[in-house]
Amino acid sequence: MIYVDKTALVHRLVNNYKYVFLSRPRRFGKSLLLSTIKAYLEGRKELFDGLAIDRLETKWETHPVLMLSLARYDADQEGSLEKILNTHLTRWEHEYGLAETSDTVSERFHNVILSAYEKTGKRVVILIDEYDAPIVSNLHDEEKQDDMRSLLKSVYTSLKDCDAYIRFAMLTGVSRFSKMTVFSGLNNLKDISLDDRYAEICGITTDEMRKNFTTGIDSLAARLKTDREGAIEILKANYAGYHFTEECPDIYNPFSLLNALDESKLNYYWADTGTPSFLVKLIKRRNLFLPEFFNESVEERQLAASDIYRMSPTALLFQTGYLTIKKVPELFVFKLGVPNKEVRDSLFHVMADIYFGDDGAVGDSNIRQLRDCFRRGDVDGAMRRLKAFLASIPYDLSHDRHEIYFENNLYIIFSLVGVEANTEWRTSGGRIDVVVRVPRFIYVMELKLDHPVTEALGQIERKDYGRQFEFDGRPVIRLGIEFSRKTRNIVSWQVSETE
């Protein structure tokens, strides 16, 4: 077995703060982190022989630990949260010799904490995993979400009332949006989600991967017919790219990385464990311009939003792991983007299903054929394939007739195809609607809605959109495309004969 040692960070965290909150995407090792903290504060020194914390800790005190996980909350099962809470409380009451003395969850939790302290003489450790699962699972249902929020608040505010009996408390989850409303009263709660010092506490860095997983990397390299460095680059492109803070190193999704090394093959491991359908529907409903949305600069306070009803989809996608910090252009401002190929492919397949309809039109065969047309320079073939894509969209999904509708559709299609595409590309003369790069060609595209294709070509020539690519070495294909509001599709296209 292989163990990636994060215990130095655990020691620093536990001995510097009393109440801690951490947000990370699902399957990022939050439960393992809490399990490690549990074993440490239970004084189980033998489990840490040879690890960093073995050199740092000298006391190894034994504390009672109450660990509550809401990961198994089921939104489709009536009373699921109440059942989970009752199961944990009943077990703790039995363990510490309590009869159920109150009908309220808050009072029962308070009594358990007090009894654990009195019975052991040690202050209590409280660890709550996936604290927000009932809220995240009900994003579509405001009434049910408020019910969950009210019940959870009664549990979490018990921490404040029992402050004198608590040694350490930590809560983890995917979202940060309910931090203020659910934890009202816990003014000293330390949120380490965007703290550079704890950026690596979940997930695996490149250095950790190189140090611990050479055997797995070499097996994957042999399977992919490349060398170790080639395999690392492939793993990086597919599963790395996460940055949770300004100074955060490149972080690999641990769930996908470990599965890929175990099976010696690439797959959509993390993406297949969940889907962001609700978030994509929210993006579509708000009619957001996708190219800007997936390359957006936001203030740090937006990513720490606490009101779900006013939160932007950008913050939700960041918190759930579909967007990550790419760079920090100025103080308290983050530029976001999709972290890696696994996330991009899965996210845009979900988008295609929701924007175009899940009828198989955007299938792997069509995607490959469209990609091949662009790579060969077959403009007519590419345009016919694009028309087929757009024609397959059910009428009730294509009610929008604005230009943003067509640009969003092209952006999704190009993202699925895997070509390098940029929309609203700025030049000294204006903005090019779409620039597509493939190994042998560069396509400069201008789109017109209910205007002749000659106007599109005229704008390309008049503003000399192809000039900035003349030293690239690849031929530049200048392409005008006319869309129709009435048919919701491409009407005509034409390639400029001017070199």
Protein backbone atom coordinates (compact mmCIF):
# COMPACT_ATOMS: atom_id res chain seq x y z
CA MET A 1 0.00 0.00 0.00
CA ILE A 2 1.08 3.59 -0.65
CA TYR A 3 0.43 6.51 1.71
CA VAL A 4 0.82 10.13 0.63
CA ASP A 5 1.84 11.85 3.87
CA LYS A 6 -0.21 14.97 4.67
CA THR A 7 0.24 14.65 8.43
CA ALA A 8 2.51 17.70 8.83
CA LEU A 9 -0.38 19.82 7.56
CA VAL A 10 -2.77 17.98 9.88
CA HIS A 11 -0.55 18.72 12.89
CA ARG A 12 -0.28 22.40 11.99
CA LEU A 13 -4.03 22.71 11.42
CA VAL A 14 -5.18 20.98 14.60
CA ASN A 15 -2.72 22.86 16.79
CA ASN A 16 -3.41 26.32 15.39
CA TYR A 17 -7.19 26.46 15.18
CA LYS A 18 -10.20 25.30 17.16
CA TYR A 19 -13.00 25.51 14.56
CA VAL A 20 -12.10 24.78 10.94
CA PHE A 21 -14.02 24.68 7.69
CA LEU A 22 -12.76 23.23 4.37
CA SER A 23 -14.47 23.23 0.99
CA ARG A 24 -13.24 20.89 -1.73
CA PRO A 25 -14.95 19.09 -4.66
CA ARG A 26 -16.40 15.63 -4.17
CA ARG A 27 -14.02 12.66 -4.19
CA PHE A 28 -11.06 14.85 -3.22
CA GLY A 29 -10.12 13.08 0.01
CA LYS A 30 -12.07 15.11 2.59
CA SER A 31 -13.33 11.97 4.36
CA LEU A 32 -9.83 10.52 4.52
CA LEU A 33 -8.55 13.79 5.97
CA LEU A 34 -11.14 13.69 8.75
CA SER A 35 -10.38 10.01 9.40
CA THR A 36 -6.71 10.93 9.80
CA ILE A 37 -7.55 13.73 12.23
CA LYS A 38 -9.80 11.34 14.16
CA ALA A 39 -7.01 8.78 14.60
CA TYR A 40 -4.54 11.50 15.58
CA LEU A 41 -6.76 13.05 18.27
CA GLU A 42 -7.74 9.61 19.59
CA GLY A 43 -4.03 9.25 20.37
CA ARG A 44 -3.45 6.26 18.09
CA LYS A 45 0.29 6.88 17.80
CA GLU A 46 1.03 3.44 16.33
CA LEU A 47 -0.79 4.37 13.09
CA PHE A 48 1.61 7.25 12.46
CA ASP A 49 4.99 5.56 12.89
CA GLY A 50 7.44 6.95 10.36
CA LEU A 51 5.16 9.78 9.20
CA ALA A 52 5.85 13.50 9.60
CA ILE A 53 3.50 13.89 12.56
CA ASP A 54 5.47 11.24 14.46
CA ARG A 55 8.37 13.70 14.65
CA LEU A 56 6.17 16.70 15.48
CA GLU A 57 3.82 15.40 18.20
CA THR A 58 5.10 14.68 21.71
CA LYS A 59 1.92 14.40 23.86
CA TRP A 60 -0.42 12.06 21.94
CA GLU A 61 -3.45 12.77 24.15
CA THR A 62 -6.62 10.70 23.79
CA HIS A 63 -9.82 12.68 23.16
CA PRO A 64 -13.37 11.47 22.59
CA VAL A 65 -14.23 11.97 18.93
CA LEU A 66 -17.75 12.46 17.52
CA MET A 67 -17.64 11.96 13.76
CA LEU A 68 -20.79 12.65 11.76
CA SER A 69 -21.05 12.00 8.02
CA LEU A 70 -23.94 13.27 5.90
CA ALA A 71 -22.53 11.77 2.70
CA ARG A 72 -25.31 9.19 2.52
CA TYR A 73 -28.11 11.73 2.57
CA ASP A 74 -30.73 10.75 -0.01
CA ALA A 75 -32.92 13.58 -1.32
CA ASP A 76 -35.44 11.05 -2.66
CA GLN A 77 -35.96 9.43 0.75
CA GLU A 78 -38.33 11.32 3.04
CA GLY A 79 -36.77 11.97 6.43
CA SER A 80 -33.28 10.91 5.31
CA LEU A 81 -31.49 13.65 7.25
CA GLU A 82 -33.48 13.03 10.42
CA LYS A 83 -32.69 9.30 10.17
CA ILE A 84 -28.95 9.91 9.78
CA LEU A 85 -28.85 12.30 12.73
CA ASN A 86 -30.90 9.97 14.92
CA THR A 87 -28.65 6.99 14.11
CA HIS A 88 -25.51 8.87 15.13
CA LEU A 89 -27.06 10.41 18.24
CA THR A 90 -28.48 7.09 19.43
CA ARG A 91 -25.09 5.42 19.09
CA TRP A 92 -23.33 8.23 20.97
CA GLU A 93 -25.99 8.26 23.69
CA HIS A 94 -25.48 4.53 24.22
CA GLU A 95 -21.68 4.92 24.20
CA TYR A 96 -21.71 7.64 26.86
CA GLY A 97 -24.53 6.22 29.00
CA LEU A 98 -27.28 8.66 28.12
CA ALA A 99 -30.98 8.05 27.81
CA GLU A 100 -32.71 10.10 25.15
CA THR A 101 -33.65 13.13 27.24
CA SER A 102 -35.04 15.51 24.63
CA ASP A 103 -37.08 15.52 21.46
CA THR A 104 -34.85 18.05 19.74
CA VAL A 105 -31.73 17.16 17.81
CA SER A 106 -29.96 20.24 19.15
CA GLU A 107 -30.51 19.27 22.81
CA ARG A 108 -29.50 15.67 22.21
CA PHE A 109 -26.26 16.74 20.50
CA HIS A 110 -25.53 19.18 23.33
CA ASN A 111 -26.06 16.46 25.95
CA VAL A 112 -23.80 13.99 24.09
CA ILE A 113 -20.94 16.52 23.96
CA LEU A 114 -21.30 17.33 27.65
CA SER A 115 -21.53 13.65 28.64
CA ALA A 116 -18.47 12.69 26.56
CA TYR A 117 -16.48 15.40 28.32
CA GLU A 118 -17.65 14.42 31.80
CA LYS A 119 -17.10 10.69 31.25
CA THR A 120 -13.57 10.97 29.81
CA GLY A 121 -12.31 14.15 31.43
CA LYS A 122 -11.06 15.25 28.00
CA ARG A 123 -12.39 17.92 25.73
CA VAL A 124 -14.34 16.58 22.76
CA VAL A 125 -13.38 16.50 19.05
CA ILE A 126 -16.22 16.98 16.55
CA LEU A 127 -15.77 16.11 12.87
CA ILE A 128 -18.59 16.60 10.37
CA ASP A 129 -18.12 15.28 6.85
CA GLU A 130 -20.12 16.58 3.85
CA TYR A 131 -21.93 19.04 6.10
CA ASP A 132 -23.78 20.52 3.10
CA ALA A 133 -24.97 17.33 1.37
CA PRO A 134 -28.65 17.93 2.23
CA ILE A 135 -28.44 21.50 0.92
CA VAL A 136 -26.51 20.69 -2.27
CA SER A 137 -28.92 17.84 -3.02
CA ASN A 138 -31.88 20.24 -2.89
CA LEU A 139 -30.59 23.19 -4.90
CA HIS A 140 -33.64 22.83 -7.14
CA ASP A 141 -36.13 22.94 -4.24
CA GLU A 142 -36.00 26.14 -2.17
CA GLU A 143 -38.62 25.04 0.36
CA LYS A 144 -36.94 21.72 1.10
CA GLN A 145 -33.56 23.40 1.14
CA ASP A 146 -34.74 25.83 3.82
CA ASP A 147 -36.00 22.90 5.92
CA MET A 148 -32.59 21.23 5.68
CA ARG A 149 -30.81 24.47 6.49
CA SER A 150 -32.96 25.02 9.61
CA LEU A 151 -32.34 21.51 10.97
CA LEU A 152 -28.60 21.63 10.29
CA LYS A 153 -28.33 25.06 11.88
CA SER A 154 -29.78 23.64 15.10
CA VAL A 155 -27.04 20.98 15.07
CA TYR A 156 -24.10 23.20 14.23
CA THR A 157 -24.97 26.01 16.62
CA SER A 158 -24.72 23.47 19.46
CA LEU A 159 -20.98 23.84 18.97
CA LYS A 160 -21.09 27.41 20.21
CA ASP A 161 -23.03 26.44 23.33
CA CYS A 162 -20.49 23.71 24.14
CA ASP A 163 -17.36 25.73 23.41
CA ALA A 164 -15.78 25.05 26.80
CA TYR A 165 -15.93 21.28 26.24
CA ILE A 166 -14.55 21.21 22.68
CA ARG A 167 -10.88 20.58 21.80
CA PHE A 168 -11.22 20.81 18.01
CA ALA A 169 -14.03 20.84 15.44
CA MET A 170 -13.85 20.59 11.67
CA LEU A 171 -16.50 20.58 8.98
CA THR A 172 -15.97 19.71 5.33
CA GLY A 173 -18.16 19.95 2.27
CA VAL A 174 -18.35 20.83 -1.38
CA SER A 175 -19.90 24.27 -1.04
CA ARG A 176 -19.20 27.38 0.94
CA PHE A 177 -22.52 29.05 0.21
CA SER A 178 -24.25 28.16 3.46
CA LYS A 179 -21.29 28.84 5.73
CA MET A 180 -22.61 32.09 7.14
CA THR A 181 -26.27 31.13 7.43
CA VAL A 182 -25.81 27.62 8.81
CA PHE A 183 -22.90 28.47 11.11
CA SER A 184 -24.22 31.78 12.42
CA GLY A 185 -22.74 32.35 15.84
CA LEU A 186 -19.46 30.54 15.15
CA ASN A 187 -17.54 33.77 14.66
CA ASN A 188 -14.16 32.09 15.13
CA LEU A 189 -14.68 29.48 12.39
CA LYS A 190 -11.48 29.39 10.30
CA ASP A 191 -12.17 28.83 6.62
CA ILE A 192 -9.03 27.32 5.03
CA SER A 193 -10.62 26.72 1.61
CA LEU A 194 -8.66 29.57 -0.02
CA ASP A 195 -5.70 29.53 2.37
CA ASP A 196 -2.33 29.05 0.63
CA ARG A 197 -0.91 27.27 3.69
CA TYR A 198 -3.43 24.43 3.33
CA ALA A 199 -3.83 24.37 -0.44
CA GLU A 200 -2.29 20.87 -0.66
CA ILE A 201 -4.17 19.28 2.24
CA CYS A 202 -6.43 17.36 -0.19
CA GLY A 203 -5.44 16.09 -3.61
CA ILE A 204 -2.05 15.02 -4.95
CA THR A 205 0.72 17.31 -6.24
CA THR A 206 3.12 16.50 -9.06
CA ASP A 207 5.99 16.06 -6.58
CA GLU A 208 3.90 13.64 -4.49
CA MET A 209 2.96 11.68 -7.58
CA ARG A 210 6.59 11.39 -8.74
CA LYS A 211 7.75 10.36 -5.26
CA ASN A 212 5.09 7.74 -4.55
CA PHE A 213 3.71 6.34 -7.80
CA THR A 214 6.61 5.51 -10.12
CA THR A 215 5.48 1.89 -10.50
CA GLY A 216 1.98 2.91 -11.53
CA ILE A 217 3.27 5.61 -13.86
CA ASP A 218 5.63 3.15 -15.57
CA SER A 219 2.83 0.61 -16.02
CA LEU A 220 0.64 3.26 -17.62
CA ALA A 221 3.53 4.40 -19.82
CA ALA A 222 3.99 0.84 -21.10
CA ARG A 223 0.26 0.58 -21.84
CA LEU A 224 0.30 3.90 -23.71
CA LYS A 225 3.59 3.10 -25.47
CA THR A 226 5.44 6.10 -24.08
CA ASP A 227 8.08 6.80 -21.41
CA ARG A 228 7.62 7.94 -17.82
CA GLU A 229 7.68 11.65 -18.66
CA GLY A 230 5.23 11.11 -21.49
CA ALA A 231 2.84 9.31 -19.13
CA ILE A 232 3.12 12.14 -16.58
CA GLU A 233 2.24 14.72 -19.25
CA ILE A 234 -0.80 12.66 -20.25
CA LEU A 235 -1.90 12.31 -16.62
CA LYS A 236 -1.41 16.04 -16.10
CA ALA A 237 -3.53 16.95 -19.12
CA ASN A 238 -6.34 14.65 -18.03
CA TYR A 239 -6.45 14.91 -14.25
CA ALA A 240 -4.37 17.85 -12.93
CA GLY A 241 -4.91 21.59 -13.28
CA TYR A 242 -6.70 22.28 -9.97
CA HIS A 243 -5.63 25.41 -8.11
CA PHE A 244 -7.56 26.29 -4.96
CA THR A 245 -5.54 29.35 -3.91
CA GLU A 246 -3.27 31.98 -5.42
CA GLU A 247 -0.04 30.10 -4.64
CA CYS A 248 -1.46 26.60 -5.00
CA PRO A 249 0.71 24.11 -6.95
CA ASP A 250 -0.83 21.97 -9.65
CA ILE A 251 -3.20 19.52 -7.91
CA TYR A 252 -4.33 16.20 -9.39
CA ASN A 253 -7.81 14.88 -8.77
CA PRO A 254 -6.88 11.97 -6.44
CA PHE A 255 -9.87 9.80 -7.35
CA SER A 256 -9.14 9.86 -11.08
CA LEU A 257 -5.37 9.68 -10.70
CA LEU A 258 -5.43 6.64 -8.41
CA ASN A 259 -7.93 4.82 -10.61
CA ALA A 260 -5.90 5.54 -13.75
CA LEU A 261 -2.70 4.24 -12.12
CA ASP A 262 -4.48 1.20 -10.68
CA GLU A 263 -6.05 0.21 -14.03
CA SER A 264 -3.19 1.50 -16.21
CA LYS A 265 -5.62 3.28 -18.48
CA LEU A 266 -7.36 6.62 -18.93
CA ASN A 267 -11.06 7.07 -18.28
CA TYR A 268 -13.58 9.61 -17.00
CA TYR A 269 -13.37 8.32 -13.43
CA TRP A 270 -14.36 11.43 -11.44
CA ALA A 271 -16.79 12.71 -14.05
CA ASP A 272 -18.70 9.43 -14.09
CA THR A 273 -19.47 9.69 -10.34
CA GLY A 274 -21.73 12.71 -10.73
CA THR A 275 -23.21 15.19 -13.19
CA PRO A 276 -23.57 19.01 -13.06
CA SER A 277 -26.94 18.94 -14.88
CA PHE A 278 -28.60 21.38 -12.51
CA LEU A 279 -25.77 23.89 -12.91
CA VAL A 280 -25.78 23.63 -16.70
CA LYS A 281 -29.54 24.18 -16.76
CA LEU A 282 -29.03 27.26 -14.60
CA ILE A 283 -26.41 28.59 -17.04
CA LYS A 284 -28.72 28.00 -20.00
CA ARG A 285 -31.70 29.59 -18.28
CA ARG A 286 -29.70 32.76 -17.59
CA ASN A 287 -28.59 32.90 -21.25
CA LEU A 288 -24.94 33.39 -20.34
CA PHE A 289 -22.27 33.80 -23.02
CA LEU A 290 -20.33 30.56 -22.56
CA PRO A 291 -16.90 31.60 -23.89
CA GLU A 292 -16.71 34.38 -21.30
CA PHE A 293 -18.27 32.23 -18.60
CA PHE A 294 -15.50 29.61 -18.91
CA ASN A 295 -12.74 32.21 -19.06
CA GLU A 296 -13.97 34.63 -16.43
CA SER A 297 -12.31 36.92 -13.91
CA VAL A 298 -14.10 37.06 -10.56
CA GLU A 299 -13.44 38.66 -7.21
CA GLU A 300 -12.51 36.38 -4.34
CA ARG A 301 -15.62 37.39 -2.37
CA GLN A 302 -17.80 36.00 -5.19
CA LEU A 303 -16.25 32.56 -4.71
CA ALA A 304 -17.01 32.75 -1.00
CA ALA A 305 -20.65 33.72 -1.55
CA SER A 306 -22.98 32.66 1.23
CA ASP A 307 -26.43 33.22 -0.28
CA ILE A 308 -27.49 30.40 -2.60
CA TYR A 309 -30.36 32.41 -4.05
CA ARG A 310 -28.06 35.17 -5.35
CA MET A 311 -25.01 33.05 -6.07
CA SER A 312 -23.67 33.01 -9.61
CA PRO A 313 -23.25 29.70 -11.48
CA THR A 314 -19.55 30.61 -11.67
CA ALA A 315 -19.14 30.29 -7.89
CA LEU A 316 -21.07 27.02 -7.85
CA LEU A 317 -18.97 25.51 -10.64
CA PHE A 318 -15.79 26.59 -8.86
CA GLN A 319 -16.87 25.07 -5.56
CA THR A 320 -17.96 21.82 -7.21
CA GLY A 321 -14.69 21.42 -9.15
CA TYR A 322 -15.75 22.23 -12.71
CA LEU A 323 -13.88 25.54 -12.71
CA THR A 324 -10.58 26.32 -11.01
CA ILE A 325 -8.18 29.23 -10.54
CA LYS A 326 -5.94 29.66 -13.59
CA LYS A 327 -4.13 32.84 -12.56
CA VAL A 328 -4.45 35.91 -10.35
CA PRO A 329 -4.20 39.01 -12.54
CA GLU A 330 -4.66 41.42 -9.62
CA LEU A 331 -5.20 41.42 -5.86
CA PHE A 332 -8.37 39.54 -4.82
CA VAL A 333 -9.23 38.77 -8.46
CA PHE A 334 -9.10 35.22 -9.87
CA LYS A 335 -9.19 34.20 -13.52
CA LEU A 336 -11.08 30.89 -13.76
CA GLY A 337 -11.08 28.10 -16.29
CA VAL A 338 -11.79 24.38 -16.70
CA PRO A 339 -9.02 22.42 -14.90
CA ASN A 340 -8.34 19.52 -17.28
CA LYS A 341 -9.46 17.35 -20.18
CA GLU A 342 -11.57 14.96 -18.09
CA VAL A 343 -13.64 17.81 -16.69
CA ARG A 344 -13.89 19.64 -20.02
CA ASP A 345 -15.05 16.60 -21.97
CA SER A 346 -17.60 15.51 -19.38
CA LEU A 347 -18.89 19.03 -18.77
CA PHE A 348 -19.42 19.78 -22.44
CA HIS A 349 -21.11 16.43 -23.05
CA VAL A 350 -23.60 17.37 -20.33
CA MET A 351 -23.97 20.78 -21.97
CA ALA A 352 -24.59 19.17 -25.34
CA ASP A 353 -27.33 16.97 -23.85
CA ILE A 354 -29.04 19.98 -22.28
CA TYR A 355 -28.54 22.50 -25.08
CA PHE A 356 -29.08 20.10 -27.98
CA GLY A 357 -31.19 17.31 -26.50
CA ASP A 358 -30.05 13.83 -25.51
CA ASP A 359 -30.90 12.04 -28.76
CA GLY A 360 -27.48 10.84 -29.80
CA ALA A 361 -26.95 13.52 -32.44
CA VAL A 362 -23.75 14.67 -30.74
CA GLY A 363 -22.23 11.21 -30.82
CA ASP A 364 -18.61 10.16 -30.95
CA SER A 365 -18.81 9.32 -34.66
CA ASN A 366 -20.14 12.77 -35.60
CA ILE A 367 -17.54 14.44 -33.40
CA ARG A 368 -14.71 12.51 -35.05
CA GLN A 369 -15.98 13.29 -38.55
CA LEU A 370 -16.26 17.01 -37.82
CA ARG A 371 -12.77 17.06 -36.29
CA ASP A 372 -11.36 15.26 -39.35
CA CYS A 373 -12.98 17.79 -41.70
CA PHE A 374 -11.37 20.71 -39.88
CA ARG A 375 -7.99 19.00 -39.80
CA ARG A 376 -8.10 18.25 -43.55
CA GLY A 377 -9.23 21.77 -44.46
CA ASP A 378 -12.52 20.39 -45.80
CA VAL A 379 -14.67 23.47 -45.17
CA ASP A 380 -17.74 22.19 -47.04
CA GLY A 381 -17.64 18.90 -45.13
CA ALA A 382 -17.27 20.71 -41.79
CA MET A 383 -20.14 23.10 -42.53
CA ARG A 384 -22.46 20.27 -43.60
CA ARG A 385 -21.64 18.43 -40.39
CA LEU A 386 -22.29 21.59 -38.35
CA LYS A 387 -25.64 22.01 -40.08
CA ALA A 388 -26.53 18.45 -39.15
CA PHE A 389 -25.66 19.18 -35.50
CA LEU A 390 -27.81 22.30 -35.41
CA ALA A 391 -30.69 20.69 -37.30
CA SER A 392 -30.84 17.93 -34.70
CA ILE A 393 -31.67 20.34 -31.86
CA PRO A 394 -35.32 19.90 -30.85
CA TYR A 395 -37.46 22.94 -31.54
CA ASP A 396 -38.36 23.48 -27.87
CA LEU A 397 -34.65 23.68 -26.97
CA SER A 398 -33.82 26.30 -29.60
CA HIS A 399 -36.30 29.09 -28.92
CA ASP A 400 -33.56 31.71 -28.56
CA ARG A 401 -32.92 33.61 -31.79
CA HIS A 402 -30.12 35.92 -30.67
CA GLU A 403 -26.58 35.71 -31.99
CA ILE A 404 -25.36 34.52 -28.58
CA TYR A 405 -27.43 31.36 -29.11
CA PHE A 406 -25.48 30.44 -32.25
CA GLU A 407 -22.11 31.38 -30.77
CA ASN A 408 -22.83 29.28 -27.66
CA ASN A 409 -23.79 26.30 -29.82
CA LEU A 410 -20.59 26.56 -31.84
CA TYR A 411 -18.55 26.92 -28.65
CA ILE A 412 -20.03 23.71 -27.21
CA ILE A 413 -19.53 21.83 -30.48
CA PHE A 414 -15.92 22.96 -30.91
CA SER A 415 -15.18 22.08 -27.27
CA LEU A 416 -16.55 18.58 -27.85
CA VAL A 417 -14.63 18.22 -31.10
CA GLY A 418 -11.40 19.02 -29.29
CA VAL A 419 -10.12 21.76 -31.59
CA GLU A 420 -8.58 24.91 -30.15
CA ALA A 421 -11.33 27.50 -30.48
CA ASN A 422 -11.60 31.10 -29.27
CA THR A 423 -14.62 33.33 -29.62
CA GLU A 424 -14.76 37.14 -29.65
CA TRP A 425 -11.00 37.18 -30.38
CA ARG A 426 -9.76 40.75 -29.98
CA THR A 427 -7.59 42.34 -32.67
CA SER A 428 -6.48 45.91 -33.33
CA GLY A 429 -9.27 46.20 -35.90
CA GLY A 430 -12.11 44.63 -33.92
CA ARG A 431 -13.23 41.25 -32.61
CA ILE A 432 -13.21 38.05 -34.63
CA ASP A 433 -16.30 35.95 -33.88
CA VAL A 434 -14.47 32.60 -33.90
CA VAL A 435 -10.84 31.51 -34.35
CA VAL A 436 -10.22 27.76 -34.72
CA ARG A 437 -6.72 26.27 -34.74
CA VAL A 438 -5.87 22.76 -35.93
CA PRO A 439 -2.39 21.35 -36.69
CA ARG A 440 -2.41 22.35 -40.39
CA PHE A 441 -4.78 25.34 -40.57
CA ILE A 442 -6.15 28.40 -38.80
CA TYR A 443 -9.79 29.28 -39.41
CA VAL A 444 -10.95 32.88 -39.02
CA MET A 445 -14.77 32.89 -38.91
CA GLU A 446 -17.24 35.76 -38.99
CA LEU A 447 -20.91 35.03 -38.25
CA LYS A 448 -23.87 37.04 -39.54
CA LEU A 449 -27.48 36.64 -38.42
CA ASP A 450 -29.94 37.15 -41.30
CA HIS A 451 -27.35 39.08 -43.29
CA PRO A 452 -25.61 37.90 -46.47
CA VAL A 453 -22.45 35.88 -46.14
CA THR A 454 -20.71 38.49 -48.30
CA GLU A 455 -21.04 40.95 -45.40
CA ALA A 456 -19.16 38.53 -43.16
CA LEU A 457 -16.36 38.13 -45.69
CA GLY A 458 -16.28 41.87 -46.29
CA GLN A 459 -15.76 42.49 -42.57
CA ILE A 460 -12.92 39.94 -42.43
CA GLU A 461 -11.16 41.64 -45.36
CA ARG A 462 -11.94 45.22 -44.34
CA LYS A 463 -10.56 44.72 -40.83
CA ASP A 464 -7.79 42.40 -42.01
CA TYR A 465 -8.57 39.81 -39.36
CA GLY A 466 -6.05 37.32 -40.73
CA ARG A 467 -3.02 39.56 -40.45
CA GLN A 468 -2.03 38.65 -36.88
CA PHE A 469 -1.65 35.00 -37.91
CA GLU A 470 0.53 35.55 -40.98
CA PHE A 471 3.76 34.59 -39.19
CA ASP A 472 2.25 31.42 -37.69
CA GLY A 473 3.20 29.32 -40.70
CA ARG A 474 -0.21 27.69 -41.10
CA PRO A 475 -2.54 28.73 -43.93
CA VAL A 476 -5.35 31.01 -42.76
CA ILE A 477 -8.84 30.07 -43.98
CA ARG A 478 -11.16 33.09 -43.88
CA LEU A 479 -14.72 31.86 -43.56
CA GLY A 480 -17.99 33.76 -43.57
CA ILE A 481 -21.13 32.05 -42.21
CA GLU A 482 -24.75 33.20 -42.37
CA PHE A 483 -27.26 32.00 -39.76
CA SER A 484 -31.03 32.25 -39.97
CA ARG A 485 -33.35 33.12 -37.07
CA LYS A 486 -36.18 31.37 -38.84
CA THR A 487 -34.48 28.02 -39.45
CA ARG A 488 -32.13 28.28 -36.43
CA ASN A 489 -29.34 26.99 -38.62
CA ILE A 490 -26.57 27.80 -41.07
CA VAL A 491 -27.94 29.19 -44.36
CA SER A 492 -24.74 29.57 -46.34
CA TRP A 493 -21.00 29.83 -46.03
CA GLN A 494 -18.16 31.04 -48.19
CA VAL A 495 -14.38 31.01 -48.08
CA SER A 496 -12.50 34.14 -49.07
CA GLU A 497 -10.37 33.72 -52.15
CA THR A 498 -7.98 36.38 -50.88
CA GLU A 499 -4.76 34.97 -49.47
